[in-house]
């Protein structure tokens, strides 16, 4: 689009320039929103995979504990629970 000279600024010459700026701004907003949606989907997928891994670890530990006859014991000092592991991973992925 040809830019109007300052001496010829009229509503008829300014309106198309404003519409072009508005359209470019809207397109940039859409691109940013799409990038955010893609990023959120990736993070959600990563968190879901991690939750599955943590559940697998938890169920493995529960299986070990039940075979040793101590499936109702409280976690030892320093032993992480599933909730601890999940909270740590959620915090790590939200950075």
PDB file of N, CA and C in Angstrom:
ATOM      1  N   UNK A   1       0.845  -1.176   0.000  1.00  0.00           N
ATOM      2  CA  UNK A   1       0.000   0.000   0.000  1.00  0.00           C
ATOM      3  C   UNK A   1       0.887   1.234   0.000  1.00  0.00           C
ATOM      4  N   UNK A   2       0.532   2.186  -0.822  1.00  0.00           N
ATOM      5  CA  UNK A   2       1.272   3.441  -0.915  1.00  0.00           C
ATOM      6  C   UNK A   2       0.929   4.322   0.285  1.00  0.00           C
ATOM      7  N   UNK A   3       1.960   4.843   0.929  1.00  0.00           N
ATOM      8  CA  UNK A   3       1.741   5.699   2.093  1.00  0.00           C
ATOM      9  C   UNK A   3       1.373   7.106   1.619  1.00  0.00           C
ATOM     10  N   UNK A   4       0.314   7.694   2.209  1.00  0.00           N
ATOM     11  CA  UNK A   4      -0.054   9.056   1.821  1.00  0.00           C
ATOM     12  C   UNK A   4       0.957  10.059   2.362  1.00  0.00           C
ATOM     13  N   UNK A   5       1.174  11.097   1.618  1.00  0.00           N
ATOM     14  CA  UNK A   5       2.076  12.148   2.105  1.00  0.00           C
ATOM     15  C   UNK A   5       1.363  12.922   3.203  1.00  0.00           C
ATOM     16  N   UNK A   6       2.113  13.484   4.150  1.00  0.00           N
ATOM     17  CA  UNK A   6       1.475  14.205   5.270  1.00  0.00           C
ATOM     18  C   UNK A   6       0.550  15.329   4.811  1.00  0.00           C
ATOM     19  N   UNK A   7       0.845  15.950   3.677  1.00  0.00           N
ATOM     20  CA  UNK A   7       0.013  17.054   3.207  1.00  0.00           C
ATOM     21  C   UNK A   7      -1.332  16.553   2.697  1.00  0.00           C
ATOM     22  N   UNK A   8      -1.428  15.279   2.354  1.00  0.00           N
ATOM     23  CA  UNK A   8      -2.659  14.742   1.781  1.00  0.00           C
ATOM     24  C   UNK A   8      -3.423  13.818   2.741  1.00  0.00           C
ATOM     25  N   UNK A   9      -3.233  13.953   4.004  1.00  0.00           N
ATOM     26  CA  UNK A   9      -3.939  13.112   4.961  1.00  0.00           C
ATOM     27  C   UNK A   9      -5.407  13.520   5.031  1.00  0.00           C
ATOM     28  N   UNK A  10      -6.232  12.609   4.607  1.00  0.00           N
ATOM     29  CA  UNK A  10      -7.675  12.804   4.671  1.00  0.00           C
ATOM     30  C   UNK A  10      -8.272  11.494   5.183  1.00  0.00           C
ATOM     31  N   UNK A  11      -9.525  11.506   5.603  1.00  0.00           N
ATOM     32  CA  UNK A  11     -10.141  10.258   6.057  1.00  0.00           C
ATOM     33  C   UNK A  11     -10.070   9.155   4.991  1.00  0.00           C
ATOM     34  N   UNK A  12     -10.173   9.528   3.722  1.00  0.00           N
ATOM     35  CA  UNK A  12     -10.146   8.546   2.640  1.00  0.00           C
ATOM     36  C   UNK A  12      -8.757   7.921   2.472  1.00  0.00           C
ATOM     37  N   UNK A  13      -7.696   8.667   2.786  1.00  0.00           N
ATOM     38  CA  UNK A  13      -6.341   8.125   2.644  1.00  0.00           C
ATOM     39  C   UNK A  13      -5.866   7.437   3.930  1.00  0.00           C
ATOM     40  N   UNK A  14      -6.369   7.878   5.061  1.00  0.00           N
ATOM     41  CA  UNK A  14      -5.941   7.305   6.338  1.00  0.00           C
ATOM     42  C   UNK A  14      -6.670   5.990   6.630  1.00  0.00           C
ATOM     43  N   UNK A  15      -7.928   5.892   6.267  1.00  0.00           N
ATOM     44  CA  UNK A  15      -8.735   4.709   6.587  1.00  0.00           C
ATOM     45  C   UNK A  15      -8.109   3.409   6.083  1.00  0.00           C
ATOM     46  N   UNK A  16      -7.677   3.319   4.835  1.00  0.00           N
ATOM     47  CA  UNK A  16      -7.053   2.054   4.390  1.00  0.00           C
ATOM     48  C   UNK A  16      -5.777   1.712   5.162  1.00  0.00           C
ATOM     49  N   UNK A  17      -4.996   2.707   5.517  1.00  0.00           N
ATOM     50  CA  UNK A  17      -3.773   2.463   6.285  1.00  0.00           C
ATOM     51  C   UNK A  17      -4.118   1.935   7.673  1.00  0.00           C
ATOM     52  N   UNK A  18      -5.143   2.496   8.296  1.00  0.00           N
ATOM     53  CA  UNK A  18      -5.565   2.025   9.615  1.00  0.00           C
ATOM     54  C   UNK A  18      -6.108   0.594   9.535  1.00  0.00           C
ATOM     55  N   UNK A  19      -6.850   0.298   8.483  1.00  0.00           N
ATOM     56  CA  UNK A  19      -7.373  -1.053   8.315  1.00  0.00           C
ATOM     57  C   UNK A  19      -6.241  -2.061   8.122  1.00  0.00           C
ATOM     58  N   UNK A  20      -5.226  -1.686   7.380  1.00  0.00           N
ATOM     59  CA  UNK A  20      -4.084  -2.570   7.164  1.00  0.00           C
ATOM     60  C   UNK A  20      -3.344  -2.825   8.476  1.00  0.00           C
ATOM     61  N   UNK A  21      -3.147  -1.779   9.265  1.00  0.00           N
ATOM     62  CA  UNK A  21      -2.487  -1.927  10.565  1.00  0.00           C
ATOM     63  C   UNK A  21      -3.321  -2.821  11.477  1.00  0.00           C
ATOM     64  N   UNK A  22      -4.626  -2.618  11.484  1.00  0.00           N
ATOM     65  CA  UNK A  22      -5.515  -3.422  12.320  1.00  0.00           C
ATOM     66  C   UNK A  22      -5.474  -4.888  11.904  1.00  0.00           C
ATOM     67  N   UNK A  23      -5.473  -5.156  10.602  1.00  0.00           N
ATOM     68  CA  UNK A  23      -5.415  -6.523  10.108  1.00  0.00           C
ATOM     69  C   UNK A  23      -4.094  -7.183  10.494  1.00  0.00           C
ATOM     70  N   UNK A  24      -2.987  -6.464  10.328  1.00  0.00           N
ATOM     71  CA  UNK A  24      -1.690  -7.026  10.711  1.00  0.00           C
ATOM     72  C   UNK A  24      -1.642  -7.323  12.202  1.00  0.00           C
ATOM     73  N   UNK A  25      -2.188  -6.438  13.002  1.00  0.00           N
ATOM     74  CA  UNK A  25      -2.220  -6.648  14.451  1.00  0.00           C
ATOM     75  C   UNK A  25      -3.053  -7.875  14.800  1.00  0.00           C
ATOM     76  N   UNK A  26      -4.192  -8.028  14.143  1.00  0.00           N
ATOM     77  CA  UNK A  26      -5.052  -9.189  14.401  1.00  0.00           C
ATOM     78  C   UNK A  26      -4.337 -10.483  14.008  1.00  0.00           C
ATOM     79  N   UNK A  27      -3.619 -10.470  12.903  1.00  0.00           N
ATOM     80  CA  UNK A  27      -2.892 -11.669  12.470  1.00  0.00           C
ATOM     81  C   UNK A  27      -1.776 -12.026  13.456  1.00  0.00           C
ATOM     82  N   UNK A  28      -1.111 -11.026  13.960  1.00  0.00           N
ATOM     83  CA  UNK A  28      -0.068 -11.270  14.964  1.00  0.00           C
ATOM     84  C   UNK A  28      -0.692 -11.863  16.228  1.00  0.00           C
ATOM     85  N   UNK A  29      -1.837 -11.326  16.649  1.00  0.00           N
ATOM     86  CA  UNK A  29      -2.525 -11.852  17.829  1.00  0.00           C
ATOM     87  C   UNK A  29      -2.902 -13.326  17.644  1.00  0.00           C
ATOM     88  N   UNK A  30      -3.367 -13.683  16.449  1.00  0.00           N
ATOM     89  CA  UNK A  30      -3.735 -15.071  16.164  1.00  0.00           C
ATOM     90  C   UNK A  30      -2.500 -15.963  16.216  1.00  0.00           C
ATOM     91  N   UNK A  31      -1.390 -15.499  15.647  1.00  0.00           N
ATOM     92  CA  UNK A  31      -0.150 -16.283  15.678  1.00  0.00           C
ATOM     93  C   UNK A  31       0.321 -16.516  17.114  1.00  0.00           C
ATOM     94  N   UNK A  32       0.252 -15.487  17.937  1.00  0.00           N
ATOM     95  CA  UNK A  32       0.663 -15.619  19.341  1.00  0.00           C
ATOM     96  C   UNK A  32      -0.257 -16.594  20.073  1.00  0.00           C
ATOM     97  N   UNK A  33      -1.552 -16.479  19.845  1.00  0.00           N
ATOM     98  CA  UNK A  33      -2.506 -17.385  20.497  1.00  0.00           C
ATOM     99  C   UNK A  33      -2.260 -18.825  20.056  1.00  0.00           C
ATOM    100  N   UNK A  34      -1.991 -19.038  18.781  1.00  0.00           N
ATOM    101  CA  UNK A  34      -1.701 -20.397  18.299  1.00  0.00           C
ATOM    102  C   UNK A  34      -0.431 -20.945  18.929  1.00  0.00           C
ATOM    103  N   UNK A  35       0.591 -20.119  19.031  1.00  0.00           N
ATOM    104  CA  UNK A  35       1.850 -20.566  19.645  1.00  0.00           C
ATOM    105  C   UNK A  35       1.621 -20.940  21.109  1.00  0.00           C
ATOM    106  N   UNK A  36       0.829 -20.160  21.811  1.00  0.00           N
ATOM    107  CA  UNK A  36       0.527 -20.470  23.211  1.00  0.00           C
ATOM    108  C   UNK A  36      -0.255 -21.770  23.332  1.00  0.00           C
ATOM    109  N   UNK A  37      -1.222 -21.974  22.450  1.00  0.00           N
ATOM    110  CA  UNK A  37      -2.010 -23.208  22.491  1.00  0.00           C
ATOM    111  C   UNK A  37      -1.127 -24.422  22.223  1.00  0.00           C
ATOM    112  N   UNK A  38      -0.231 -24.309  21.259  1.00  0.00           N
ATOM    113  CA  UNK A  38       0.690 -25.413  20.947  1.00  0.00           C
ATOM    114  C   UNK A  38       1.597 -25.691  22.136  1.00  0.00           C
ATOM    115  N   UNK A  39       2.114 -24.641  22.753  1.00  0.00           N
ATOM    116  CA  UNK A  39       2.986 -24.805  23.918  1.00  0.00           C
ATOM    117  C   UNK A  39       2.230 -25.474  25.069  1.00  0.00           C
ATOM    118  N   UNK A  40       1.012 -25.039  25.315  1.00  0.00           N
ATOM    119  CA  UNK A  40       0.226 -25.629  26.395  1.00  0.00           C
ATOM    120  C   UNK A  40      -0.067 -27.104  26.110  1.00  0.00           C
ATOM    121  N   UNK A  41      -0.351 -27.434  24.859  1.00  0.00           N
ATOM    122  CA  UNK A  41      -0.618 -28.834  24.507  1.00  0.00           C
ATOM    123  C   UNK A  41       0.627 -29.684  24.723  1.00  0.00           C
ATOM    124  N   UNK A  42       1.792 -29.165  24.358  1.00  0.00           N
ATOM    125  CA  UNK A  42       3.043 -29.897  24.578  1.00  0.00           C
ATOM    126  C   UNK A  42       3.295 -30.112  26.067  1.00  0.00           C
ATOM    127  N   UNK A  43       3.102 -29.065  26.853  1.00  0.00           N
ATOM    128  CA  UNK A  43       3.326 -29.194  28.296  1.00  0.00           C
ATOM    129  C   UNK A  43       2.334 -30.163  28.924  1.00  0.00           C
ATOM    130  N   UNK A  44       1.076 -30.112  28.481  1.00  0.00           N
ATOM    131  CA  UNK A  44       0.068 -31.037  28.997  1.00  0.00           C
ATOM    132  C   UNK A  44       0.444 -32.474  28.657  1.00  0.00           C
ATOM    133  N   UNK A  45       0.896 -32.691  27.438  1.00  0.00           N
ATOM    134  CA  UNK A  45       1.310 -34.036  27.033  1.00  0.00           C
ATOM    135  C   UNK A  45       2.490 -34.511  27.877  1.00  0.00           C
ATOM    136  N   UNK A  46       3.459 -33.634  28.082  1.00  0.00           N
ATOM    137  CA  UNK A  46       4.626 -34.005  28.896  1.00  0.00           C
ATOM    138  C   UNK A  46       4.209 -34.313  30.334  1.00  0.00           C
ATOM    139  N   UNK A  47       3.309 -33.509  30.878  1.00  0.00           N
ATOM    140  CA  UNK A  47       2.860 -33.747  32.246  1.00  0.00           C
ATOM    141  C   UNK A  47       2.066 -35.047  32.334  1.00  0.00           C
ATOM    142  N   UNK A  48       1.258 -35.339  31.334  1.00  0.00           N
ATOM    143  CA  UNK A  48       0.488 -36.588  31.328  1.00  0.00           C
ATOM    144  C   UNK A  48       1.421 -37.790  31.278  1.00  0.00           C
ATOM    145  N   UNK A  49       2.449 -37.705  30.451  1.00  0.00           N
ATOM    146  CA  UNK A  49       3.420 -38.793  30.375  1.00  0.00           C
ATOM    147  C   UNK A  49       4.135 -38.975  31.714  1.00  0.00           C
ATOM    148  N   UNK A  50       4.482 -37.869  32.331  1.00  0.00           N
ATOM    149  CA  UNK A  50       5.169 -37.950  33.616  1.00  0.00           C
ATOM    150  C   UNK A  50       4.256 -38.533  34.689  1.00  0.00           C
ATOM    151  N   UNK A  51       2.993 -38.167  34.664  1.00  0.00           N
ATOM    152  CA  UNK A  51       2.042 -38.731  35.631  1.00  0.00           C
ATOM    153  C   UNK A  51       1.952 -40.244  35.445  1.00  0.00           C
ATOM    154  N   UNK A  52       1.898 -40.682  34.198  1.00  0.00           N
ATOM    155  CA  UNK A  52       1.864 -42.127  33.946  1.00  0.00           C
ATOM    156  C   UNK A  52       3.117 -42.801  34.480  1.00  0.00           C
ATOM    157  N   UNK A  53       4.278 -42.174  34.275  1.00  0.00           N
ATOM    158  CA  UNK A  53       5.528 -42.730  34.798  1.00  0.00           C
ATOM    159  C   UNK A  53       5.523 -42.779  36.323  1.00  0.00           C
ATOM    160  N   UNK A  54       5.049 -41.712  36.949  1.00  0.00           N
ATOM    161  CA  UNK A  54       5.012 -41.672  38.409  1.00  0.00           C
ATOM    162  C   UNK A  54       4.035 -42.704  38.965  1.00  0.00           C
ATOM    163  N   UNK A  55       2.894 -42.864  38.297  1.00  0.00           N
ATOM    164  CA  UNK A  55       1.942 -43.888  38.740  1.00  0.00           C
ATOM    165  C   UNK A  55       2.559 -45.272  38.621  1.00  0.00           C
ATOM    166  N   UNK A  56       3.267 -45.476  37.526  1.00  0.00           N
ATOM    167  CA  UNK A  56       3.926 -46.762  37.341  1.00  0.00           C
ATOM    168  C   UNK A  56       4.937 -47.012  38.459  1.00  0.00           C
ATOM    169  N   UNK A  57       5.714 -45.981  38.816  1.00  0.00           N
ATOM    170  CA  UNK A  57       6.669 -46.104  39.917  1.00  0.00           C
ATOM    171  C   UNK A  57       5.941 -46.384  41.226  1.00  0.00           C
ATOM    172  N   UNK A  58       4.860 -45.680  41.451  1.00  0.00           N
ATOM    173  CA  UNK A  58       4.096 -45.855  42.689  1.00  0.00           C
ATOM    174  C   UNK A  58       3.531 -47.265  42.778  1.00  0.00           C
ATOM    175  N   UNK A  59       2.924 -47.720  41.705  1.00  0.00           N
ATOM    176  CA  UNK A  59       2.338 -49.062  41.734  1.00  0.00           C
ATOM    177  C   UNK A  59       3.425 -50.115  41.874  1.00  0.00           C
ATOM    178  N   UNK A  60       4.587 -49.872  41.299  1.00  0.00           N
ATOM    179  CA  UNK A  60       5.708 -50.789  41.478  1.00  0.00           C
ATOM    180  C   UNK A  60       6.139 -50.840  42.932  1.00  0.00           C
ATOM    181  N   UNK A  61       6.197 -49.680  43.578  1.00  0.00           N
ATOM    182  CA  UNK A  61       6.568 -49.636  45.002  1.00  0.00           C
ATOM    183  C   UNK A  61       5.498 -50.272  45.869  1.00  0.00           C
ATOM    184  N   UNK A  62       4.230 -50.050  45.504  1.00  0.00           N
ATOM    185  CA  UNK A  62       3.146 -50.666  46.267  1.00  0.00           C
ATOM    186  C   UNK A  62       3.202 -52.175  46.130  1.00  0.00           C
ATOM    187  N   UNK A  63       3.523 -52.646  44.925  1.00  0.00           N
ATOM    188  CA  UNK A  63       3.647 -54.079  44.709  1.00  0.00           C
ATOM    189  C   UNK A  63       4.781 -54.662  45.523  1.00  0.00           C
ATOM    190  N   UNK A  64       5.899 -53.945  45.582  1.00  0.00           N
ATOM    191  CA  UNK A  64       7.035 -54.397  46.393  1.00  0.00           C
ATOM    192  C   UNK A  64       6.656 -54.424  47.866  1.00  0.00           C
ATOM    193  N   UNK A  65       5.946 -53.396  48.298  1.00  0.00           N
ATOM    194  CA  UNK A  65       5.567 -53.314  49.705  1.00  0.00           C
ATOM    195  C   UNK A  65       4.566 -54.408  50.061  1.00  0.00           C
ATOM    196  N   UNK A  66       3.635 -54.701  49.171  1.00  0.00           N
ATOM    197  CA  UNK A  66       2.629 -55.711  49.499  1.00  0.00           C
ATOM    198  C   UNK A  66       3.235 -57.106  49.514  1.00  0.00           C
ATOM    199  N   UNK A  67       4.252 -57.348  48.699  1.00  0.00           N
ATOM    200  CA  UNK A  67       4.889 -58.672  48.733  1.00  0.00           C
ATOM    201  C   UNK A  67       5.758 -58.839  49.965  1.00  0.00           C
ATOM    202  N   UNK A  68       6.203 -57.715  50.530  1.00  0.00           N
ATOM    203  CA  UNK A  68       7.014 -57.816  51.742  1.00  0.00           C
ATOM    204  C   UNK A  68       6.150 -57.757  53.002  1.00  0.00           C
ATOM    205  N   UNK A  69       4.828 -57.623  52.832  1.00  0.00           N
ATOM    206  CA  UNK A  69       3.924 -57.636  53.974  1.00  0.00           C
ATOM    207  C   UNK A  69       3.798 -56.302  54.675  1.00  0.00           C
ATOM    208  N   UNK A  70       4.264 -55.233  54.071  1.00  0.00           N
ATOM    209  CA  UNK A  70       4.207 -53.921  54.745  1.00  0.00           C
ATOM    210  C   UNK A  70       3.458 -52.902  53.900  1.00  0.00           C
ATOM    211  N   UNK A  71       2.351 -53.314  53.306  1.00  0.00           N
ATOM    212  CA  UNK A  71       1.635 -52.400  52.416  1.00  0.00           C
ATOM    213  C   UNK A  71       0.842 -51.330  53.153  1.00  0.00           C
ATOM    214  N   UNK A  72       0.714 -51.421  54.453  1.00  0.00           N
ATOM    215  CA  UNK A  72      -0.015 -50.396  55.209  1.00  0.00           C
ATOM    216  C   UNK A  72       0.912 -49.499  56.005  1.00  0.00           C
ATOM    217  N   UNK A  73       2.189 -49.563  55.745  1.00  0.00           N
ATOM    218  CA  UNK A  73       3.126 -48.769  56.529  1.00  0.00           C
ATOM    219  C   UNK A  73       3.161 -47.323  56.015  1.00  0.00           C
ATOM    220  N   UNK A  74       3.533 -46.426  56.900  1.00  0.00           N
ATOM    221  CA  UNK A  74       3.728 -45.035  56.510  1.00  0.00           C
ATOM    222  C   UNK A  74       5.071 -44.913  55.805  1.00  0.00           C
ATOM    223  N   UNK A  75       5.208 -43.930  54.905  1.00  0.00           N
ATOM    224  CA  UNK A  75       6.496 -43.755  54.236  1.00  0.00           C
ATOM    225  C   UNK A  75       7.605 -43.467  55.245  1.00  0.00           C
ATOM    226  N   UNK A  76       8.784 -44.005  54.982  1.00  0.00           N
ATOM    227  CA  UNK A  76       9.935 -43.716  55.830  1.00  0.00           C
ATOM    228  C   UNK A  76      10.310 -42.249  55.687  1.00  0.00           C
ATOM    229  N   UNK A  77      11.032 -41.739  56.688  1.00  0.00           N
ATOM    230  CA  UNK A  77      11.505 -40.359  56.615  1.00  0.00           C
ATOM    231  C   UNK A  77      12.372 -40.216  55.374  1.00  0.00           C
ATOM    232  N   UNK A  78      12.087 -39.198  54.582  1.00  0.00           N
ATOM    233  CA  UNK A  78      12.850 -38.962  53.368  1.00  0.00           C
ATOM    234  C   UNK A  78      12.325 -39.711  52.159  1.00  0.00           C
ATOM    235  N   UNK A  79      11.403 -40.652  52.357  1.00  0.00           N
ATOM    236  CA  UNK A  79      10.820 -41.389  51.228  1.00  0.00           C
ATOM    237  C   UNK A  79       9.709 -40.551  50.613  1.00  0.00           C
ATOM    238  N   UNK A  80       9.767 -40.398  49.315  1.00  0.00           N
ATOM    239  CA  UNK A  80       8.782 -39.565  48.644  1.00  0.00           C
ATOM    240  C   UNK A  80       7.513 -40.356  48.351  1.00  0.00           C
ATOM    241  N   UNK A  81       6.372 -39.700  48.551  1.00  0.00           N
ATOM    242  CA  UNK A  81       5.101 -40.313  48.210  1.00  0.00           C
ATOM    243  C   UNK A  81       4.747 -39.937  46.782  1.00  0.00           C
ATOM    244  N   UNK A  82       3.738 -40.572  46.253  1.00  0.00           N
ATOM    245  CA  UNK A  82       3.270 -40.243  44.910  1.00  0.00           C
ATOM    246  C   UNK A  82       2.887 -38.773  44.819  1.00  0.00           C
ATOM    247  N   UNK A  83       2.181 -38.268  45.824  1.00  0.00           N
ATOM    248  CA  UNK A  83       1.772 -36.863  45.811  1.00  0.00           C
ATOM    249  C   UNK A  83       2.988 -35.943  45.783  1.00  0.00           C
ATOM    250  N   UNK A  84       4.037 -36.299  46.534  1.00  0.00           N
ATOM    251  CA  UNK A  84       5.262 -35.494  46.524  1.00  0.00           C
ATOM    252  C   UNK A  84       5.885 -35.481  45.137  1.00  0.00           C
ATOM    253  N   UNK A  85       6.006 -36.650  44.544  1.00  0.00           N
ATOM    254  CA  UNK A  85       6.608 -36.749  43.209  1.00  0.00           C
ATOM    255  C   UNK A  85       5.785 -35.995  42.172  1.00  0.00           C
ATOM    256  N   UNK A  86       4.470 -36.134  42.239  1.00  0.00           N
ATOM    257  CA  UNK A  86       3.594 -35.445  41.292  1.00  0.00           C
ATOM    258  C   UNK A  86       3.696 -33.930  41.454  1.00  0.00           C
ATOM    259  N   UNK A  87       3.732 -33.451  42.686  1.00  0.00           N
ATOM    260  CA  UNK A  87       3.836 -32.008  42.927  1.00  0.00           C
ATOM    261  C   UNK A  87       5.172 -31.464  42.431  1.00  0.00           C
ATOM    262  N   UNK A  88       6.231 -32.204  42.659  1.00  0.00           N
ATOM    263  CA  UNK A  88       7.548 -31.764  42.192  1.00  0.00           C
ATOM    264  C   UNK A  88       7.590 -31.695  40.670  1.00  0.00           C
ATOM    265  N   UNK A  89       7.033 -32.692  40.018  1.00  0.00           N
ATOM    266  CA  UNK A  89       7.057 -32.713  38.559  1.00  0.00           C
ATOM    267  C   UNK A  89       6.171 -31.621  37.985  1.00  0.00           C
ATOM    268  N   UNK A  90       5.027 -31.389  38.581  1.00  0.00           N
ATOM    269  CA  UNK A  90       4.135 -30.318  38.116  1.00  0.00           C
ATOM    270  C   UNK A  90       4.832 -28.969  38.253  1.00  0.00           C
ATOM    271  N   UNK A  91       5.537 -28.762  39.351  1.00  0.00           N
ATOM    272  CA  UNK A  91       6.263 -27.498  39.545  1.00  0.00           C
ATOM    273  C   UNK A  91       7.374 -27.356  38.520  1.00  0.00           C
ATOM    274  N   UNK A  92       8.083 -28.451  38.238  1.00  0.00           N
ATOM    275  CA  UNK A  92       9.177 -28.408  37.262  1.00  0.00           C
ATOM    276  C   UNK A  92       8.642 -28.086  35.866  1.00  0.00           C
ATOM    277  N   UNK A  93       7.547 -28.699  35.488  1.00  0.00           N
ATOM    278  CA  UNK A  93       7.011 -28.493  34.146  1.00  0.00           C
ATOM    279  C   UNK A  93       6.332 -27.144  33.982  1.00  0.00           C
ATOM    280  N   UNK A  94       5.914 -26.528  35.064  1.00  0.00           N
ATOM    281  CA  UNK A  94       5.238 -25.239  34.946  1.00  0.00           C
ATOM    282  C   UNK A  94       6.207 -24.074  34.832  1.00  0.00           C
ATOM    283  N   UNK A  95       7.487 -24.348  34.959  1.00  0.00           N
ATOM    284  CA  UNK A  95       8.485 -23.268  34.834  1.00  0.00           C
ATOM    285  C   UNK A  95       8.640 -22.827  33.410  1.00  0.00           C
TER     286      UNK A  95
END
